[in-house]
Amino acid sequence: MPNKKNKSHLTAIARGDRPSLPVQWLAKEALGPRSKILDYGCGKGADVRWLQSKGHHAAGYDPFFFPERFALEERYEVVTCNYVINVIASEGERIDTINSCLDALLPGGSCFVSIRSAKCIGPQGYRKQGTYQGYHPGELRELGFNLVRRVTGYELHRKDKSNG
């Protein structure tokens, strides 16, 4: 259930048919053909639609735009969580979100979490429209994620689920 104080859904970008930069990179560098993918916190679903158009078995979950939880009952080879952690003010809620992503993985699967860079965010805290922006890479490191890509605008972190 979305946090009523945090209006994080207002940060969802309508990109039309263009995928996010992290998903573009993943499609080139990390996804196999016809991968089974969950986009956790998919916003309005642009990345899901784009991945589907490329032949992937992609599903999306978003507590505001796509709150049906049936996608969370499946297990996936890849789970993405793009620009979500930055807009959750509560540390506990951020950790719960990341753990939900990890729970959705098949053994041997990979979770990719992208976060906006500190430079893009500016001062942490609530904005006048009620949205929160923060930079929290330390929590990802504590949960065993590794930085795999840092470019202007975002960082991409990865954690693999063991087969055993």
C-alpha atoms as a PDB file:
ATOM      1  CA  MET A   1       0.000   0.000   0.000  1.00  0.00           C
ATOM      2  CA  PRO A   2       1.482   3.392  -0.941  1.00  0.00           C
ATOM      3  CA  ASN A   3       2.535   5.669   1.882  1.00  0.00           C
ATOM      4  CA  LYS A   4      -0.091   8.453   1.989  1.00  0.00           C
ATOM      5  CA  LYS A   5       2.411  11.066   3.188  1.00  0.00           C
ATOM      6  CA  ASN A   6       4.862  10.332   0.389  1.00  0.00           C
ATOM      7  CA  LYS A   7       3.371  11.095  -3.006  1.00  0.00           C
ATOM      8  CA  SER A   8       6.025   9.067  -4.828  1.00  0.00           C
ATOM      9  CA  HIS A   9       3.614   8.236  -7.651  1.00  0.00           C
ATOM     10  CA  LEU A  10       3.977  11.861  -8.768  1.00  0.00           C
ATOM     11  CA  THR A  11       7.571  11.083  -9.778  1.00  0.00           C
ATOM     12  CA  ALA A  12       6.506   8.461 -12.364  1.00  0.00           C
ATOM     13  CA  ILE A  13       7.533   9.661 -15.804  1.00  0.00           C
ATOM     14  CA  ALA A  14       5.432   9.098 -18.913  1.00  0.00           C
ATOM     15  CA  ARG A  15       8.093   8.136 -21.457  1.00  0.00           C
ATOM     16  CA  GLY A  16       5.841   6.892 -24.252  1.00  0.00           C
ATOM     17  CA  ASP A  17       7.647   4.062 -26.015  1.00  0.00           C
ATOM     18  CA  ARG A  18      11.131   4.930 -24.750  1.00  0.00           C
ATOM     19  CA  PRO A  19      12.597   2.693 -22.036  1.00  0.00           C
ATOM     20  CA  SER A  20      14.541   4.068 -19.090  1.00  0.00           C
ATOM     21  CA  LEU A  21      18.312   4.328 -19.444  1.00  0.00           C
ATOM     22  CA  PRO A  22      18.941   1.446 -16.994  1.00  0.00           C
ATOM     23  CA  VAL A  23      16.631  -0.872 -18.970  1.00  0.00           C
ATOM     24  CA  GLN A  24      18.306   0.114 -22.244  1.00  0.00           C
ATOM     25  CA  TRP A  25      21.674  -0.851 -20.723  1.00  0.00           C
ATOM     26  CA  LEU A  26      20.309  -4.102 -19.255  1.00  0.00           C
ATOM     27  CA  ALA A  27      18.855  -5.106 -22.621  1.00  0.00           C
ATOM     28  CA  LYS A  28      22.277  -4.709 -24.243  1.00  0.00           C
ATOM     29  CA  GLU A  29      24.497  -6.056 -21.473  1.00  0.00           C
ATOM     30  CA  ALA A  30      22.664  -8.331 -19.051  1.00  0.00           C
ATOM     31  CA  LEU A  31      19.470  -9.858 -20.441  1.00  0.00           C
ATOM     32  CA  GLY A  32      19.306 -13.133 -22.280  1.00  0.00           C
ATOM     33  CA  PRO A  33      16.833 -13.624 -25.109  1.00  0.00           C
ATOM     34  CA  ARG A  34      13.237 -13.885 -23.938  1.00  0.00           C
ATOM     35  CA  SER A  35      14.104 -13.322 -20.276  1.00  0.00           C
ATOM     36  CA  LYS A  36      11.387 -13.498 -17.616  1.00  0.00           C
ATOM     37  CA  ILE A  37      11.483 -10.046 -15.979  1.00  0.00           C
ATOM     38  CA  LEU A  38       9.613  -8.201 -13.231  1.00  0.00           C
ATOM     39  CA  ASP A  39       9.759  -4.409 -13.180  1.00  0.00           C
ATOM     40  CA  TYR A  40       9.059  -3.653  -9.505  1.00  0.00           C
ATOM     41  CA  GLY A  41       7.771  -0.104  -9.133  1.00  0.00           C
ATOM     42  CA  CYS A  42       7.058   0.079 -12.859  1.00  0.00           C
ATOM     43  CA  GLY A  43       5.239   3.416 -12.689  1.00  0.00           C
ATOM     44  CA  LYS A  44       3.166   3.819 -15.831  1.00  0.00           C
ATOM     45  CA  GLY A  45       4.689   0.682 -17.405  1.00  0.00           C
ATOM     46  CA  ALA A  46       6.846   2.025 -20.260  1.00  0.00           C
ATOM     47  CA  ASP A  47       9.761  -0.325 -19.495  1.00  0.00           C
ATOM     48  CA  VAL A  48       7.425  -3.337 -19.287  1.00  0.00           C
ATOM     49  CA  ARG A  49       5.839  -2.550 -22.649  1.00  0.00           C
ATOM     50  CA  TRP A  50       9.241  -1.974 -24.266  1.00  0.00           C
ATOM     51  CA  LEU A  51      10.673  -5.234 -22.882  1.00  0.00           C
ATOM     52  CA  GLN A  52       7.598  -7.112 -24.117  1.00  0.00           C
ATOM     53  CA  SER A  53       8.043  -5.567 -27.574  1.00  0.00           C
ATOM     54  CA  LYS A  54      11.582  -7.012 -27.605  1.00  0.00           C
ATOM     55  CA  GLY A  55      10.293 -10.537 -26.916  1.00  0.00           C
ATOM     56  CA  HIS A  56      10.840 -10.706 -23.154  1.00  0.00           C
ATOM     57  CA  HIS A  57       8.269 -12.105 -20.749  1.00  0.00           C
ATOM     58  CA  ALA A  58       7.924  -8.906 -18.725  1.00  0.00           C
ATOM     59  CA  ALA A  59       5.483  -8.067 -15.948  1.00  0.00           C
ATOM     60  CA  GLY A  60       5.126  -4.980 -13.809  1.00  0.00           C
ATOM     61  CA  TYR A  61       4.062  -4.129 -10.296  1.00  0.00           C
ATOM     62  CA  ASP A  62       3.524  -0.643  -8.911  1.00  0.00           C
ATOM     63  CA  PRO A  63       1.643   0.097  -5.668  1.00  0.00           C
ATOM     64  CA  PHE A  64      -0.118   3.097  -7.261  1.00  0.00           C
ATOM     65  CA  PHE A  65      -0.484   2.444 -11.012  1.00  0.00           C
ATOM     66  CA  PHE A  66      -0.549  -1.392 -11.097  1.00  0.00           C
ATOM     67  CA  PRO A  67      -1.426  -2.477  -7.534  1.00  0.00           C
ATOM     68  CA  GLU A  68      -2.628  -5.977  -8.466  1.00  0.00           C
ATOM     69  CA  ARG A  69      -0.208  -8.270  -6.679  1.00  0.00           C
ATOM     70  CA  PHE A  70      -0.528 -11.289  -9.007  1.00  0.00           C
ATOM     71  CA  ALA A  71       2.816 -10.375 -10.645  1.00  0.00           C
ATOM     72  CA  LEU A  72       4.461 -10.802  -7.224  1.00  0.00           C
ATOM     73  CA  GLU A  73       3.244 -14.413  -7.003  1.00  0.00           C
ATOM     74  CA  GLU A  74       5.545 -15.424  -9.888  1.00  0.00           C
ATOM     75  CA  ARG A  75       9.338 -15.844  -9.772  1.00  0.00           C
ATOM     76  CA  TYR A  76      11.652 -14.194 -12.295  1.00  0.00           C
ATOM     77  CA  GLU A  77      15.105 -14.515 -13.828  1.00  0.00           C
ATOM     78  CA  VAL A  78      15.548 -10.755 -13.550  1.00  0.00           C
ATOM     79  CA  VAL A  79      13.907  -8.173 -11.294  1.00  0.00           C
ATOM     80  CA  THR A  80      14.432  -4.478 -11.928  1.00  0.00           C
ATOM     81  CA  CYS A  81      13.653  -1.662  -9.531  1.00  0.00           C
ATOM     82  CA  ASN A  82      14.385   1.605 -11.337  1.00  0.00           C
ATOM     83  CA  TYR A  83      14.398   4.978  -9.598  1.00  0.00           C
ATOM     84  CA  VAL A  84      12.138   3.661  -6.820  1.00  0.00           C
ATOM     85  CA  ILE A  85      14.434   3.606  -3.772  1.00  0.00           C
ATOM     86  CA  ASN A  86      15.185   7.321  -4.210  1.00  0.00           C
ATOM     87  CA  VAL A  87      11.549   8.293  -3.646  1.00  0.00           C
ATOM     88  CA  ILE A  88      10.868   6.254  -0.491  1.00  0.00           C
ATOM     89  CA  ALA A  89      11.521   8.289   2.652  1.00  0.00           C
ATOM     90  CA  SER A  90      11.270   5.467   5.195  1.00  0.00           C
ATOM     91  CA  GLU A  91      14.364   3.273   5.577  1.00  0.00           C
ATOM     92  CA  GLY A  92      12.159   0.361   6.641  1.00  0.00           C
ATOM     93  CA  GLU A  93       9.974   0.766   3.560  1.00  0.00           C
ATOM     94  CA  ARG A  94      13.066   0.923   1.311  1.00  0.00           C
ATOM     95  CA  ILE A  95      14.432  -2.294   2.845  1.00  0.00           C
ATOM     96  CA  ASP A  96      11.016  -3.985   2.504  1.00  0.00           C
ATOM     97  CA  THR A  97      10.879  -2.950  -1.160  1.00  0.00           C
ATOM     98  CA  ILE A  98      14.341  -4.337  -1.875  1.00  0.00           C
ATOM     99  CA  ASN A  99      13.542  -7.577  -0.037  1.00  0.00           C
ATOM    100  CA  SER A 100      10.320  -7.926  -2.059  1.00  0.00           C
ATOM    101  CA  CYS A 101      12.413  -7.634  -5.219  1.00  0.00           C
ATOM    102  CA  LEU A 102      14.805 -10.313  -3.988  1.00  0.00           C
ATOM    103  CA  ASP A 103      11.910 -12.582  -2.960  1.00  0.00           C
ATOM    104  CA  ALA A 104      10.597 -12.449  -6.548  1.00  0.00           C
ATOM    105  CA  LEU A 105      13.804 -13.974  -7.986  1.00  0.00           C
ATOM    106  CA  LEU A 106      14.248 -17.504  -9.205  1.00  0.00           C
ATOM    107  CA  PRO A 107      17.376 -19.270  -7.898  1.00  0.00           C
ATOM    108  CA  GLY A 108      20.265 -18.028 -10.031  1.00  0.00           C
ATOM    109  CA  GLY A 109      18.349 -14.845 -10.900  1.00  0.00           C
ATOM    110  CA  SER A 110      19.595 -11.264 -10.698  1.00  0.00           C
ATOM    111  CA  CYS A 111      18.103  -8.155  -9.131  1.00  0.00           C
ATOM    112  CA  PHE A 112      19.076  -4.765 -10.566  1.00  0.00           C
ATOM    113  CA  VAL A 113      18.294  -1.610  -8.596  1.00  0.00           C
ATOM    114  CA  SER A 114      18.955   1.761 -10.189  1.00  0.00           C
ATOM    115  CA  ILE A 115      19.088   4.924  -8.138  1.00  0.00           C
ATOM    116  CA  ARG A 116      19.459   8.519  -9.201  1.00  0.00           C
ATOM    117  CA  SER A 117      22.907   9.886  -8.488  1.00  0.00           C
ATOM    118  CA  ALA A 118      23.448  12.239  -5.578  1.00  0.00           C
ATOM    119  CA  LYS A 119      24.266  15.024  -8.024  1.00  0.00           C
ATOM    120  CA  CYS A 120      20.879  14.631  -9.750  1.00  0.00           C
ATOM    121  CA  ILE A 121      18.942  14.583  -6.513  1.00  0.00           C
ATOM    122  CA  GLY A 122      20.360  17.666  -4.858  1.00  0.00           C
ATOM    123  CA  PRO A 123      19.301  18.209  -1.248  1.00  0.00           C
ATOM    124  CA  GLN A 124      17.585  15.179   0.276  1.00  0.00           C
ATOM    125  CA  GLY A 125      14.105  15.531   1.689  1.00  0.00           C
ATOM    126  CA  TYR A 126      10.529  16.334   0.770  1.00  0.00           C
ATOM    127  CA  ARG A 127       9.728  18.618  -2.142  1.00  0.00           C
ATOM    128  CA  LYS A 128       6.891  21.133  -2.055  1.00  0.00           C
ATOM    129  CA  GLN A 129       4.630  18.816  -4.123  1.00  0.00           C
ATOM    130  CA  GLY A 130       4.971  16.143  -1.407  1.00  0.00           C
ATOM    131  CA  THR A 131       7.500  13.872  -3.091  1.00  0.00           C
ATOM    132  CA  TYR A 132      10.687  12.683  -1.395  1.00  0.00           C
ATOM    133  CA  GLN A 133      14.143  12.446  -3.000  1.00  0.00           C
ATOM    134  CA  GLY A 134      17.080  10.767  -1.283  1.00  0.00           C
ATOM    135  CA  TYR A 135      20.344   9.010  -2.049  1.00  0.00           C
ATOM    136  CA  HIS A 136      20.813   5.709  -0.171  1.00  0.00           C
ATOM    137  CA  PRO A 137      23.466   3.467  -1.771  1.00  0.00           C
ATOM    138  CA  GLY A 138      24.738   2.296   1.633  1.00  0.00           C
ATOM    139  CA  GLU A 139      21.583   0.257   2.219  1.00  0.00           C
ATOM    140  CA  LEU A 140      22.135  -1.563  -1.066  1.00  0.00           C
ATOM    141  CA  ARG A 141      25.736  -2.372  -0.102  1.00  0.00           C
ATOM    142  CA  GLU A 142      24.593  -3.624   3.313  1.00  0.00           C
ATOM    143  CA  LEU A 143      22.147  -5.973   1.562  1.00  0.00           C
ATOM    144  CA  GLY A 144      24.919  -7.416  -0.629  1.00  0.00           C
ATOM    145  CA  PHE A 145      24.417  -5.416  -3.826  1.00  0.00           C
ATOM    146  CA  ASN A 146      27.392  -4.489  -5.999  1.00  0.00           C
ATOM    147  CA  LEU A 147      27.708  -1.354  -8.087  1.00  0.00           C
ATOM    148  CA  VAL A 148      27.838  -2.419 -11.756  1.00  0.00           C
ATOM    149  CA  ARG A 149      27.373   0.902 -13.544  1.00  0.00           C
ATOM    150  CA  ARG A 150      27.738   4.558 -12.657  1.00  0.00           C
ATOM    151  CA  VAL A 151      27.014   7.207 -15.266  1.00  0.00           C
ATOM    152  CA  THR A 152      25.778  10.762 -15.195  1.00  0.00           C
ATOM    153  CA  GLY A 153      22.324  10.579 -13.735  1.00  0.00           C
ATOM    154  CA  TYR A 154      22.130   7.125 -12.187  1.00  0.00           C
ATOM    155  CA  GLU A 155      23.872   4.172 -10.566  1.00  0.00           C
ATOM    156  CA  LEU A 156      22.964   0.539 -11.201  1.00  0.00           C
ATOM    157  CA  HIS A 157      23.440  -2.036  -8.431  1.00  0.00           C
ATOM    158  CA  ARG A 158      23.161  -5.823  -8.768  1.00  0.00           C
ATOM    159  CA  LYS A 159      22.637  -8.792  -6.479  1.00  0.00           C
ATOM    160  CA  ASP A 160      22.400 -12.407  -7.650  1.00  0.00           C
ATOM    161  CA  LYS A 161      20.350 -15.056  -5.864  1.00  0.00           C
ATOM    162  CA  SER A 162      22.276 -18.248  -5.221  1.00  0.00           C
ATOM    163  CA  ASN A 163      21.101 -21.510  -6.710  1.00  0.00           C
ATOM    164  CA  GLY A 164      21.052 -23.231  -3.341  1.00  0.00           C
END
